[in-house]
Amino acid sequence: MNSNFFADAIELKMRLQWGQPAFTIIDVRDRSNYNLAHIAGAIPLPLDNLASRAHSTLQRERDIYIYGDDDAQSAYAAQILRISGFTSVCEIAGGITAWENIGGSLEGTTCIATS
């Protein structure tokens, strides 16, 4: 992971394509938005229970990529994780919109409906 708190969607896509190990993608949007479409492989950890579930769900040694409805939500979620002791947390600039714009793989009910 880069040394910044931010990553662009291309960086994440390259890591997925190269099969790089030891990273987690987190979607902090509400469950209904996650169900509609999310980055392939992302796990849902809605913002309202992120702090309570982070320690039991996430591994501290893994790089964490996080996205929300917008960059502000991603930044807030990343701050929660950093305060909780997760040090390798990176916000995906532009979130799912940026991911879609580069042709990143999506999963969800809207993806099935348009197939």
Protein backbone atom coordinates (compact mmCIF):
# COMPACT_ATOMS: atom_id res chain seq x y z
CA MET A 1 0.00 0.00 0.00
CA ASN A 2 1.22 3.49 -0.66
CA SER A 3 2.25 5.66 2.26
CA ASN A 4 -0.66 8.06 1.76
CA PHE A 5 -4.11 7.78 3.29
CA PHE A 6 -5.63 7.84 -0.20
CA ALA A 7 -5.55 5.52 -3.18
CA ASP A 8 -7.11 5.84 -6.55
CA ALA A 9 -9.26 3.11 -8.01
CA ILE A 10 -6.55 2.16 -10.50
CA GLU A 11 -4.12 1.28 -7.69
CA LEU A 12 -6.68 -1.05 -6.12
CA LYS A 13 -7.58 -2.61 -9.47
CA MET A 14 -3.90 -3.34 -10.16
CA ARG A 15 -3.49 -5.03 -6.77
CA LEU A 16 -6.51 -7.22 -7.50
CA GLN A 17 -5.28 -8.09 -10.99
CA TRP A 18 -1.81 -8.95 -9.74
CA GLY A 19 -3.25 -11.13 -6.99
CA GLN A 20 -1.43 -9.29 -4.23
CA PRO A 21 -2.21 -10.82 -0.85
CA ALA A 22 -3.13 -9.41 2.53
CA PHE A 23 -5.62 -6.66 1.85
CA THR A 24 -9.29 -6.11 2.58
CA ILE A 25 -11.84 -3.91 0.81
CA ILE A 26 -14.58 -2.46 3.03
CA ASP A 27 -17.84 -0.87 1.90
CA VAL A 28 -19.22 1.38 4.67
CA ARG A 29 -22.42 2.34 2.86
CA ASP A 30 -25.77 1.09 4.16
CA ARG A 31 -26.66 -2.50 3.40
CA SER A 32 -29.25 -1.67 0.71
CA ASN A 33 -26.65 0.24 -1.36
CA TYR A 34 -24.14 -2.56 -0.83
CA ASN A 35 -26.69 -5.11 -2.07
CA LEU A 36 -27.35 -3.07 -5.21
CA ALA A 37 -23.71 -2.87 -6.27
CA HIS A 38 -20.33 -3.09 -4.59
CA ILE A 39 -16.71 -3.63 -5.54
CA ALA A 40 -16.20 -7.34 -6.16
CA GLY A 41 -14.82 -8.90 -3.00
CA ALA A 42 -15.71 -5.98 -0.71
CA ILE A 43 -17.15 -6.79 2.70
CA PRO A 44 -20.03 -4.77 4.12
CA LEU A 45 -19.30 -2.94 7.37
CA PRO A 46 -21.87 -0.14 7.52
CA LEU A 47 -20.66 3.03 9.16
CA ASP A 48 -23.22 2.82 11.97
CA ASN A 49 -21.60 -0.33 13.39
CA LEU A 50 -18.07 -0.07 12.01
CA ALA A 51 -16.42 0.69 15.35
CA SER A 52 -18.14 -2.18 17.15
CA ARG A 53 -17.42 -4.77 14.44
CA ALA A 54 -13.95 -3.74 13.27
CA HIS A 55 -11.91 -5.64 15.88
CA SER A 56 -13.83 -8.88 15.47
CA THR A 57 -14.00 -8.70 11.67
CA LEU A 58 -10.74 -7.16 10.45
CA GLN A 59 -7.11 -8.24 10.75
CA ARG A 60 -4.79 -5.45 11.87
CA GLU A 61 -1.88 -6.64 9.73
CA ARG A 62 -3.81 -6.38 6.46
CA ASP A 63 -3.95 -3.34 4.23
CA ILE A 64 -7.50 -1.96 4.30
CA TYR A 65 -9.12 -0.10 1.42
CA ILE A 66 -12.31 1.68 2.39
CA TYR A 67 -15.07 3.44 0.46
CA GLY A 68 -18.46 4.98 1.18
CA ASP A 69 -21.18 7.04 -0.49
CA ASP A 70 -18.71 9.90 -0.93
CA ASP A 71 -15.18 10.87 0.02
CA ALA A 72 -16.36 12.49 3.27
CA GLN A 73 -18.00 9.26 4.44
CA SER A 74 -14.88 7.29 3.46
CA ALA A 75 -12.68 9.73 5.40
CA TYR A 76 -14.86 9.48 8.49
CA ALA A 77 -14.83 5.68 8.37
CA ALA A 78 -11.06 5.61 7.87
CA GLN A 79 -10.63 7.92 10.86
CA ILE A 80 -12.68 5.52 13.01
CA LEU A 81 -10.43 2.64 12.03
CA ARG A 82 -7.22 4.61 12.57
CA ILE A 83 -8.36 5.71 16.03
CA SER A 84 -9.15 2.04 16.73
CA GLY A 85 -5.54 1.11 16.01
CA PHE A 86 -5.65 0.07 12.35
CA THR A 87 -2.63 1.69 10.76
CA SER A 88 -2.79 0.62 7.12
CA VAL A 89 -6.11 2.20 6.11
CA CYS A 90 -6.48 3.78 2.68
CA GLU A 91 -9.52 5.69 1.37
CA ILE A 92 -10.46 4.94 -2.24
CA ALA A 93 -10.77 8.38 -3.83
CA GLY A 94 -14.08 8.70 -5.65
CA GLY A 95 -15.43 5.47 -4.15
CA ILE A 96 -17.59 3.15 -6.17
CA THR A 97 -18.15 5.80 -8.87
CA ALA A 98 -14.42 5.97 -9.58
CA TRP A 99 -14.32 2.17 -9.56
CA GLU A 100 -17.13 1.98 -12.11
CA ASN A 101 -15.45 4.64 -14.27
CA ILE A 102 -12.32 2.49 -14.70
CA GLY A 103 -14.34 -0.63 -15.48
CA GLY A 104 -13.76 -2.27 -12.11
CA SER A 105 -15.63 -5.48 -11.38
CA LEU A 106 -18.90 -5.08 -9.46
CA GLU A 107 -21.21 -7.48 -7.68
CA GLY A 108 -24.81 -6.96 -6.58
CA THR A 109 -28.42 -7.10 -7.71
CA THR A 110 -28.13 -4.27 -10.25
CA CYS A 111 -25.20 -6.07 -11.83
CA ILE A 112 -27.30 -9.23 -12.24
CA ALA A 113 -30.24 -7.29 -13.64
CA THR A 114 -28.10 -5.67 -16.34
CA SER A 115 -26.26 -8.85 -17.35
